[in-house]
């Protein structure tokens, strides 16, 4: 059961300029754990969700019929939380070249940039897996960076 966006748990996030524009009214428990950097709870939620890990982090937009699993990574980037970001990014089979592009695009913004998160992305086995199976032209562009 998701707490209401008006509840005490959301008070800090509502007042935090780093995340108050990130669809707070749709946050799930995992999003709150990322905000409060509760590493053990993040790992427990992801482990409990098993092969449905994406469901634990995805925000649905029923009007547009879209899903946004990137919000979790965006929260970590906005908070510059390398531990939470690493916990998510190391999850197997969740991320694609689209997510890698979105992460690198977020990190281009000087206000969002985190050297620690950038290092995680560059050195990660997840990134290597994504690049191994993507279009060779995309891989060449990434290797230039």
N, C-alpha and C. Protein backbone atom coordinates (compact mmCIF):
# COMPACT_ATOMS: atom_id res chain seq x y z
N UNK A 1 0.84 -1.18 0.00
CA UNK A 1 0.00 0.00 0.00
C UNK A 1 0.88 1.24 0.00
N UNK A 2 0.63 2.12 -0.91
CA UNK A 2 1.44 3.32 -1.07
C UNK A 2 0.91 4.42 -0.16
N UNK A 3 1.82 5.08 0.59
CA UNK A 3 1.36 6.19 1.42
C UNK A 3 0.92 7.37 0.56
N UNK A 4 0.02 8.13 1.08
CA UNK A 4 -0.47 9.31 0.38
C UNK A 4 0.64 10.35 0.26
N UNK A 5 0.62 11.09 -0.84
CA UNK A 5 1.62 12.14 -1.04
C UNK A 5 1.48 13.26 -0.01
N UNK A 6 0.39 13.26 0.73
CA UNK A 6 0.19 14.26 1.77
C UNK A 6 0.71 13.77 3.12
N UNK A 7 1.20 12.54 3.19
CA UNK A 7 1.61 11.96 4.46
C UNK A 7 2.96 12.51 4.93
N UNK A 8 3.28 12.21 6.17
CA UNK A 8 4.51 12.68 6.79
C UNK A 8 5.74 12.22 6.03
N UNK A 9 5.70 11.00 5.48
CA UNK A 9 6.85 10.46 4.76
C UNK A 9 7.24 11.34 3.58
N UNK A 10 6.28 11.99 2.98
CA UNK A 10 6.54 12.82 1.81
C UNK A 10 6.89 14.26 2.17
N UNK A 11 6.77 14.63 3.42
CA UNK A 11 6.98 16.03 3.81
C UNK A 11 8.35 16.53 3.39
N UNK A 12 9.40 15.77 3.69
CA UNK A 12 10.75 16.21 3.34
C UNK A 12 10.91 16.32 1.83
N UNK A 13 10.41 15.34 1.10
CA UNK A 13 10.54 15.34 -0.36
C UNK A 13 9.78 16.51 -0.98
N UNK A 14 8.60 16.81 -0.47
CA UNK A 14 7.81 17.93 -1.00
C UNK A 14 8.55 19.25 -0.86
N UNK A 15 9.34 19.38 0.20
CA UNK A 15 10.05 20.62 0.47
C UNK A 15 11.46 20.63 -0.10
N UNK A 16 11.91 19.52 -0.66
CA UNK A 16 13.26 19.40 -1.18
C UNK A 16 13.29 19.83 -2.64
N UNK A 17 13.96 20.93 -2.97
CA UNK A 17 13.95 21.42 -4.35
C UNK A 17 14.63 20.47 -5.35
N UNK A 18 15.45 19.55 -4.86
CA UNK A 18 16.12 18.61 -5.76
C UNK A 18 15.14 17.61 -6.37
N UNK A 19 14.07 17.27 -5.66
CA UNK A 19 13.16 16.23 -6.14
C UNK A 19 11.70 16.62 -6.17
N UNK A 20 11.34 17.80 -5.71
CA UNK A 20 9.92 18.12 -5.58
C UNK A 20 9.19 18.23 -6.92
N UNK A 21 9.90 18.17 -8.04
CA UNK A 21 9.26 18.20 -9.35
C UNK A 21 9.24 16.82 -10.01
N UNK A 22 9.57 15.78 -9.25
CA UNK A 22 9.69 14.44 -9.82
C UNK A 22 8.48 13.56 -9.52
N UNK A 23 7.31 14.01 -9.87
CA UNK A 23 6.07 13.22 -9.78
C UNK A 23 5.86 12.61 -8.39
N UNK A 24 6.00 13.41 -7.35
CA UNK A 24 5.88 12.90 -5.98
C UNK A 24 4.56 12.18 -5.72
N UNK A 25 3.50 12.64 -6.31
CA UNK A 25 2.19 12.04 -6.07
C UNK A 25 2.10 10.61 -6.59
N UNK A 26 3.06 10.19 -7.42
CA UNK A 26 3.04 8.84 -7.98
C UNK A 26 4.11 7.93 -7.40
N UNK A 27 4.90 8.42 -6.47
CA UNK A 27 5.99 7.62 -5.93
C UNK A 27 5.50 6.34 -5.28
N UNK A 28 6.29 5.31 -5.41
CA UNK A 28 6.04 4.02 -4.78
C UNK A 28 7.00 3.88 -3.59
N UNK A 29 6.84 2.85 -2.78
CA UNK A 29 7.74 2.68 -1.62
C UNK A 29 9.23 2.69 -1.99
N UNK A 30 9.59 2.10 -3.12
CA UNK A 30 10.99 2.10 -3.53
C UNK A 30 11.51 3.51 -3.72
N UNK A 31 10.69 4.39 -4.28
CA UNK A 31 11.11 5.77 -4.49
C UNK A 31 11.40 6.47 -3.16
N UNK A 32 10.56 6.22 -2.17
CA UNK A 32 10.81 6.80 -0.84
C UNK A 32 12.10 6.26 -0.23
N UNK A 33 12.35 4.98 -0.40
CA UNK A 33 13.57 4.38 0.14
C UNK A 33 14.80 4.97 -0.55
N UNK A 34 14.69 5.28 -1.84
CA UNK A 34 15.78 5.94 -2.54
C UNK A 34 16.00 7.34 -1.99
N UNK A 35 14.89 8.04 -1.76
CA UNK A 35 14.99 9.40 -1.23
C UNK A 35 15.68 9.42 0.13
N UNK A 36 15.28 8.49 1.00
CA UNK A 36 15.85 8.44 2.34
C UNK A 36 17.13 7.61 2.41
N UNK A 37 17.59 7.11 1.26
CA UNK A 37 18.82 6.33 1.13
C UNK A 37 18.86 5.16 2.11
N UNK A 38 17.80 4.41 2.15
CA UNK A 38 17.71 3.22 3.00
C UNK A 38 18.19 2.02 2.19
N UNK A 39 19.50 1.82 2.16
CA UNK A 39 20.11 0.81 1.30
C UNK A 39 19.54 -0.60 1.51
N UNK A 40 19.40 -0.99 2.76
CA UNK A 40 18.91 -2.34 3.03
C UNK A 40 17.48 -2.51 2.52
N UNK A 41 16.65 -1.50 2.71
CA UNK A 41 15.26 -1.58 2.23
C UNK A 41 15.21 -1.60 0.70
N UNK A 42 16.08 -0.85 0.06
CA UNK A 42 16.13 -0.85 -1.40
C UNK A 42 16.45 -2.25 -1.89
N UNK A 43 17.49 -2.84 -1.31
CA UNK A 43 17.88 -4.20 -1.71
C UNK A 43 16.79 -5.21 -1.40
N UNK A 44 16.13 -5.05 -0.24
CA UNK A 44 15.05 -5.97 0.13
C UNK A 44 13.87 -5.87 -0.84
N UNK A 45 13.49 -4.65 -1.21
CA UNK A 45 12.37 -4.47 -2.14
C UNK A 45 12.71 -5.10 -3.49
N UNK A 46 13.92 -4.85 -3.98
CA UNK A 46 14.32 -5.40 -5.27
C UNK A 46 14.41 -6.93 -5.22
N UNK A 47 14.93 -7.45 -4.10
CA UNK A 47 15.02 -8.91 -3.97
C UNK A 47 13.63 -9.53 -3.87
N UNK A 48 12.76 -8.92 -3.10
CA UNK A 48 11.40 -9.43 -2.93
C UNK A 48 10.63 -9.39 -4.25
N UNK A 49 10.86 -8.35 -5.03
CA UNK A 49 10.13 -8.23 -6.30
C UNK A 49 10.65 -9.21 -7.35
N UNK A 50 11.85 -9.73 -7.17
CA UNK A 50 12.39 -10.75 -8.05
C UNK A 50 12.38 -10.33 -9.51
N UNK A 51 11.79 -11.17 -10.36
CA UNK A 51 11.77 -10.88 -11.79
C UNK A 51 10.83 -9.73 -12.14
N UNK A 52 10.08 -9.26 -11.16
CA UNK A 52 9.18 -8.12 -11.37
C UNK A 52 9.79 -6.82 -10.86
N UNK A 53 11.11 -6.75 -10.84
CA UNK A 53 11.80 -5.57 -10.33
C UNK A 53 11.37 -4.28 -10.99
N UNK A 54 11.10 -4.35 -12.28
CA UNK A 54 10.67 -3.15 -12.99
C UNK A 54 9.34 -2.64 -12.46
N UNK A 55 8.47 -3.54 -12.07
CA UNK A 55 7.17 -3.11 -11.55
C UNK A 55 7.32 -2.33 -10.25
N UNK A 56 8.31 -2.69 -9.45
CA UNK A 56 8.52 -2.00 -8.18
C UNK A 56 8.98 -0.57 -8.37
N UNK A 57 9.55 -0.27 -9.54
CA UNK A 57 10.08 1.07 -9.76
C UNK A 57 9.35 1.86 -10.83
N UNK A 58 8.46 1.24 -11.57
CA UNK A 58 7.81 1.88 -12.71
C UNK A 58 6.61 2.72 -12.29
N UNK A 59 6.56 3.91 -12.85
CA UNK A 59 5.41 4.80 -12.69
C UNK A 59 4.60 4.70 -13.98
N UNK A 60 3.33 4.42 -13.86
CA UNK A 60 2.46 4.29 -15.03
C UNK A 60 1.74 5.60 -15.30
N UNK A 61 1.69 5.97 -16.57
CA UNK A 61 0.88 7.11 -17.00
C UNK A 61 -0.24 6.51 -17.84
N UNK A 62 -1.39 6.32 -17.22
CA UNK A 62 -2.50 5.64 -17.89
C UNK A 62 -3.09 6.47 -19.03
N UNK A 63 -3.02 7.79 -18.92
CA UNK A 63 -3.55 8.63 -19.99
C UNK A 63 -2.72 8.50 -21.26
N UNK A 64 -1.40 8.51 -21.11
CA UNK A 64 -0.51 8.40 -22.27
C UNK A 64 -0.14 6.95 -22.57
N UNK A 65 -0.56 6.05 -21.70
CA UNK A 65 -0.26 4.62 -21.83
C UNK A 65 1.25 4.39 -21.93
N UNK A 66 2.00 5.04 -21.01
CA UNK A 66 3.45 4.88 -20.97
C UNK A 66 3.87 4.47 -19.56
N UNK A 67 5.11 4.00 -19.48
CA UNK A 67 5.68 3.62 -18.19
C UNK A 67 7.02 4.32 -18.05
N UNK A 68 7.35 4.73 -16.83
CA UNK A 68 8.59 5.44 -16.57
C UNK A 68 9.37 4.74 -15.47
N UNK A 69 10.32 3.89 -15.86
CA UNK A 69 11.17 3.25 -14.87
C UNK A 69 12.42 4.08 -14.61
N UNK A 70 12.66 5.11 -15.43
CA UNK A 70 13.83 5.96 -15.27
C UNK A 70 13.74 6.85 -14.04
N UNK A 71 12.56 7.07 -13.50
CA UNK A 71 12.39 7.96 -12.36
C UNK A 71 13.28 7.55 -11.20
N UNK A 72 13.44 6.26 -10.96
CA UNK A 72 14.31 5.80 -9.86
C UNK A 72 15.74 6.29 -10.05
N UNK A 73 16.25 6.13 -11.24
CA UNK A 73 17.62 6.57 -11.51
C UNK A 73 17.72 8.10 -11.41
N UNK A 74 16.68 8.78 -11.88
CA UNK A 74 16.68 10.25 -11.83
C UNK A 74 16.68 10.76 -10.39
N UNK A 75 15.97 10.08 -9.51
CA UNK A 75 15.97 10.45 -8.09
C UNK A 75 17.39 10.32 -7.54
N UNK A 76 18.04 9.22 -7.84
CA UNK A 76 19.41 9.00 -7.35
C UNK A 76 20.37 10.07 -7.89
N UNK A 77 20.21 10.41 -9.15
CA UNK A 77 21.07 11.43 -9.75
C UNK A 77 20.80 12.79 -9.12
N UNK A 78 19.54 13.13 -8.93
CA UNK A 78 19.18 14.42 -8.33
C UNK A 78 19.73 14.54 -6.92
N UNK A 79 19.74 13.43 -6.19
CA UNK A 79 20.24 13.44 -4.80
C UNK A 79 21.74 13.19 -4.73
N UNK A 80 22.34 12.86 -5.90
CA UNK A 80 23.76 12.51 -5.96
C UNK A 80 24.09 11.34 -5.03
N UNK A 81 23.19 10.39 -5.00
CA UNK A 81 23.31 9.22 -4.13
C UNK A 81 23.97 8.07 -4.88
N UNK A 82 25.28 7.96 -4.74
CA UNK A 82 26.01 6.92 -5.47
C UNK A 82 25.65 5.52 -4.99
N UNK A 83 25.35 5.35 -3.72
CA UNK A 83 25.03 4.02 -3.20
C UNK A 83 23.69 3.53 -3.72
N UNK A 84 22.69 4.40 -3.71
CA UNK A 84 21.38 4.03 -4.23
C UNK A 84 21.43 3.80 -5.73
N UNK A 85 22.16 4.68 -6.43
CA UNK A 85 22.30 4.51 -7.88
C UNK A 85 22.95 3.17 -8.20
N UNK A 86 24.02 2.85 -7.49
CA UNK A 86 24.73 1.59 -7.74
C UNK A 86 23.82 0.40 -7.46
N UNK A 87 23.03 0.46 -6.39
CA UNK A 87 22.11 -0.64 -6.07
C UNK A 87 21.14 -0.89 -7.22
N UNK A 88 20.68 0.17 -7.86
CA UNK A 88 19.75 0.01 -8.99
C UNK A 88 20.47 -0.39 -10.27
N UNK A 89 21.58 0.28 -10.57
CA UNK A 89 22.25 0.08 -11.84
C UNK A 89 22.84 -1.33 -11.96
N UNK A 90 23.17 -1.94 -10.84
CA UNK A 90 23.75 -3.28 -10.90
C UNK A 90 22.70 -4.38 -11.09
N UNK A 91 21.44 -4.02 -11.01
CA UNK A 91 20.37 -5.01 -11.21
C UNK A 91 20.41 -5.53 -12.65
N UNK A 92 20.46 -6.83 -12.82
CA UNK A 92 20.58 -7.39 -14.17
C UNK A 92 19.28 -7.28 -14.97
N UNK A 93 19.43 -7.08 -16.25
CA UNK A 93 18.32 -7.13 -17.22
C UNK A 93 17.24 -6.08 -17.03
N UNK A 94 17.54 -5.00 -16.35
CA UNK A 94 16.54 -3.94 -16.19
C UNK A 94 16.78 -2.77 -17.14
N UNK A 95 18.03 -2.54 -17.48
CA UNK A 95 18.39 -1.31 -18.17
C UNK A 95 18.78 -1.57 -19.61
N UNK A 96 18.50 -0.58 -20.45
CA UNK A 96 18.76 -0.68 -21.88
C UNK A 96 19.61 0.50 -22.33
N UNK A 97 19.91 0.54 -23.60
CA UNK A 97 20.67 1.65 -24.16
C UNK A 97 19.91 2.97 -23.96
N UNK A 98 18.60 2.91 -23.97
CA UNK A 98 17.79 4.12 -23.71
C UNK A 98 18.08 4.67 -22.32
N UNK A 99 18.16 3.78 -21.33
CA UNK A 99 18.42 4.21 -19.96
C UNK A 99 19.85 4.77 -19.83
N UNK A 100 20.79 4.11 -20.48
CA UNK A 100 22.17 4.61 -20.46
C UNK A 100 22.22 6.02 -21.05
N UNK A 101 21.54 6.22 -22.16
CA UNK A 101 21.49 7.54 -22.78
C UNK A 101 20.86 8.56 -21.82
N UNK A 102 19.74 8.20 -21.19
CA UNK A 102 19.06 9.12 -20.28
C UNK A 102 19.94 9.47 -19.08
N UNK A 103 20.65 8.48 -18.54
CA UNK A 103 21.54 8.74 -17.40
C UNK A 103 22.64 9.71 -17.82
N UNK A 104 23.30 9.41 -18.94
CA UNK A 104 24.39 10.28 -19.39
C UNK A 104 23.88 11.68 -19.73
N UNK A 105 22.68 11.76 -20.26
CA UNK A 105 22.08 13.05 -20.57
C UNK A 105 21.80 13.84 -19.29
N UNK A 106 21.32 13.18 -18.25
CA UNK A 106 21.08 13.85 -16.96
C UNK A 106 22.40 14.35 -16.38
N UNK A 107 23.43 13.52 -16.49
CA UNK A 107 24.72 13.88 -15.91
C UNK A 107 25.40 15.03 -16.66
N UNK A 108 24.94 15.35 -17.87
CA UNK A 108 25.50 16.49 -18.61
C UNK A 108 25.13 17.81 -17.95
N UNK A 109 24.01 17.83 -17.26
CA UNK A 109 23.57 19.05 -16.59
C UNK A 109 24.50 19.31 -15.39
N UNK A 110 25.15 20.49 -15.36
CA UNK A 110 26.10 20.77 -14.27
C UNK A 110 25.48 20.66 -12.86
N UNK A 111 24.20 20.97 -12.73
CA UNK A 111 23.55 20.86 -11.42
C UNK A 111 23.33 19.41 -11.02
N UNK A 112 23.22 18.53 -11.98
CA UNK A 112 22.94 17.12 -11.71
C UNK A 112 24.21 16.27 -11.68
N UNK A 113 25.29 16.80 -12.20
CA UNK A 113 26.51 16.00 -12.37
C UNK A 113 27.04 15.48 -11.03
N UNK A 114 27.40 14.21 -11.04
CA UNK A 114 28.05 13.58 -9.89
C UNK A 114 29.18 12.72 -10.43
N UNK A 115 30.38 13.03 -10.05
CA UNK A 115 31.53 12.27 -10.53
C UNK A 115 31.43 10.81 -10.10
N UNK A 116 30.96 10.58 -8.88
CA UNK A 116 30.83 9.20 -8.37
C UNK A 116 29.86 8.39 -9.21
N UNK A 117 28.72 8.97 -9.55
CA UNK A 117 27.73 8.26 -10.37
C UNK A 117 28.28 8.06 -11.78
N UNK A 118 28.97 9.05 -12.30
CA UNK A 118 29.56 8.93 -13.63
C UNK A 118 30.56 7.78 -13.66
N UNK A 119 31.36 7.64 -12.63
CA UNK A 119 32.33 6.53 -12.55
C UNK A 119 31.61 5.18 -12.50
N UNK A 120 30.52 5.12 -11.74
CA UNK A 120 29.75 3.87 -11.66
C UNK A 120 29.27 3.48 -13.04
N UNK A 121 28.73 4.44 -13.78
CA UNK A 121 28.22 4.17 -15.12
C UNK A 121 29.34 3.69 -16.03
N UNK A 122 30.47 4.38 -16.01
CA UNK A 122 31.57 4.05 -16.91
C UNK A 122 32.19 2.68 -16.63
N UNK A 123 32.27 2.31 -15.35
CA UNK A 123 32.97 1.08 -14.97
C UNK A 123 32.04 -0.12 -14.78
N UNK A 124 30.78 0.08 -14.88
CA UNK A 124 29.79 -0.94 -14.53
C UNK A 124 29.70 -2.08 -15.54
N UNK A 125 29.50 -3.28 -15.00
CA UNK A 125 29.24 -4.45 -15.86
C UNK A 125 27.91 -4.27 -16.59
N UNK A 126 26.97 -3.59 -15.98
CA UNK A 126 25.68 -3.33 -16.63
C UNK A 126 25.89 -2.51 -17.90
N UNK A 127 26.71 -1.48 -17.81
CA UNK A 127 26.99 -0.65 -18.98
C UNK A 127 27.67 -1.48 -20.07
N UNK A 128 28.62 -2.29 -19.68
CA UNK A 128 29.32 -3.14 -20.65
C UNK A 128 28.35 -4.11 -21.32
N UNK A 129 27.43 -4.68 -20.56
CA UNK A 129 26.42 -5.58 -21.13
C UNK A 129 25.53 -4.85 -22.12
N UNK A 130 25.10 -3.65 -21.76
CA UNK A 130 24.25 -2.85 -22.65
C UNK A 130 24.98 -2.58 -23.96
N UNK A 131 26.23 -2.16 -23.85
CA UNK A 131 27.00 -1.81 -25.05
C UNK A 131 27.33 -3.03 -25.90
N UNK A 132 27.51 -4.15 -25.27
CA UNK A 132 27.84 -5.37 -26.00
C UNK A 132 26.73 -5.75 -26.98
N UNK A 133 25.49 -5.48 -26.61
CA UNK A 133 24.36 -5.89 -27.42
C UNK A 133 23.69 -4.76 -28.18
N UNK A 134 24.30 -3.58 -28.18
CA UNK A 134 23.68 -2.47 -28.91
C UNK A 134 24.29 -2.36 -30.30
N UNK A 135 23.75 -1.46 -31.07
CA UNK A 135 24.21 -1.20 -32.43
C UNK A 135 25.69 -0.80 -32.40
N UNK A 136 26.52 -1.35 -33.30
CA UNK A 136 27.96 -1.02 -33.32
C UNK A 136 28.25 0.48 -33.46
N UNK A 137 27.40 1.20 -34.17
CA UNK A 137 27.61 2.64 -34.33
C UNK A 137 27.45 3.36 -32.98
N UNK A 138 26.47 2.94 -32.21
CA UNK A 138 26.26 3.53 -30.89
C UNK A 138 27.47 3.23 -30.00
N UNK A 139 27.94 2.01 -30.05
CA UNK A 139 29.10 1.59 -29.26
C UNK A 139 30.32 2.45 -29.60
N UNK A 140 30.54 2.72 -30.87
CA UNK A 140 31.67 3.57 -31.29
C UNK A 140 31.56 4.98 -30.70
N UNK A 141 30.35 5.53 -30.73
CA UNK A 141 30.14 6.87 -30.16
C UNK A 141 30.42 6.88 -28.66
N UNK A 142 29.98 5.84 -27.97
CA UNK A 142 30.20 5.76 -26.51
C UNK A 142 31.70 5.64 -26.22
N UNK A 143 32.41 4.86 -26.99
CA UNK A 143 33.84 4.65 -26.75
C UNK A 143 34.64 5.92 -26.97
N UNK A 144 34.12 6.86 -27.75
CA UNK A 144 34.79 8.16 -27.94
C UNK A 144 34.77 8.98 -26.67
N UNK A 145 33.72 8.78 -25.86
CA UNK A 145 33.56 9.55 -24.63
C UNK A 145 34.58 9.09 -23.67
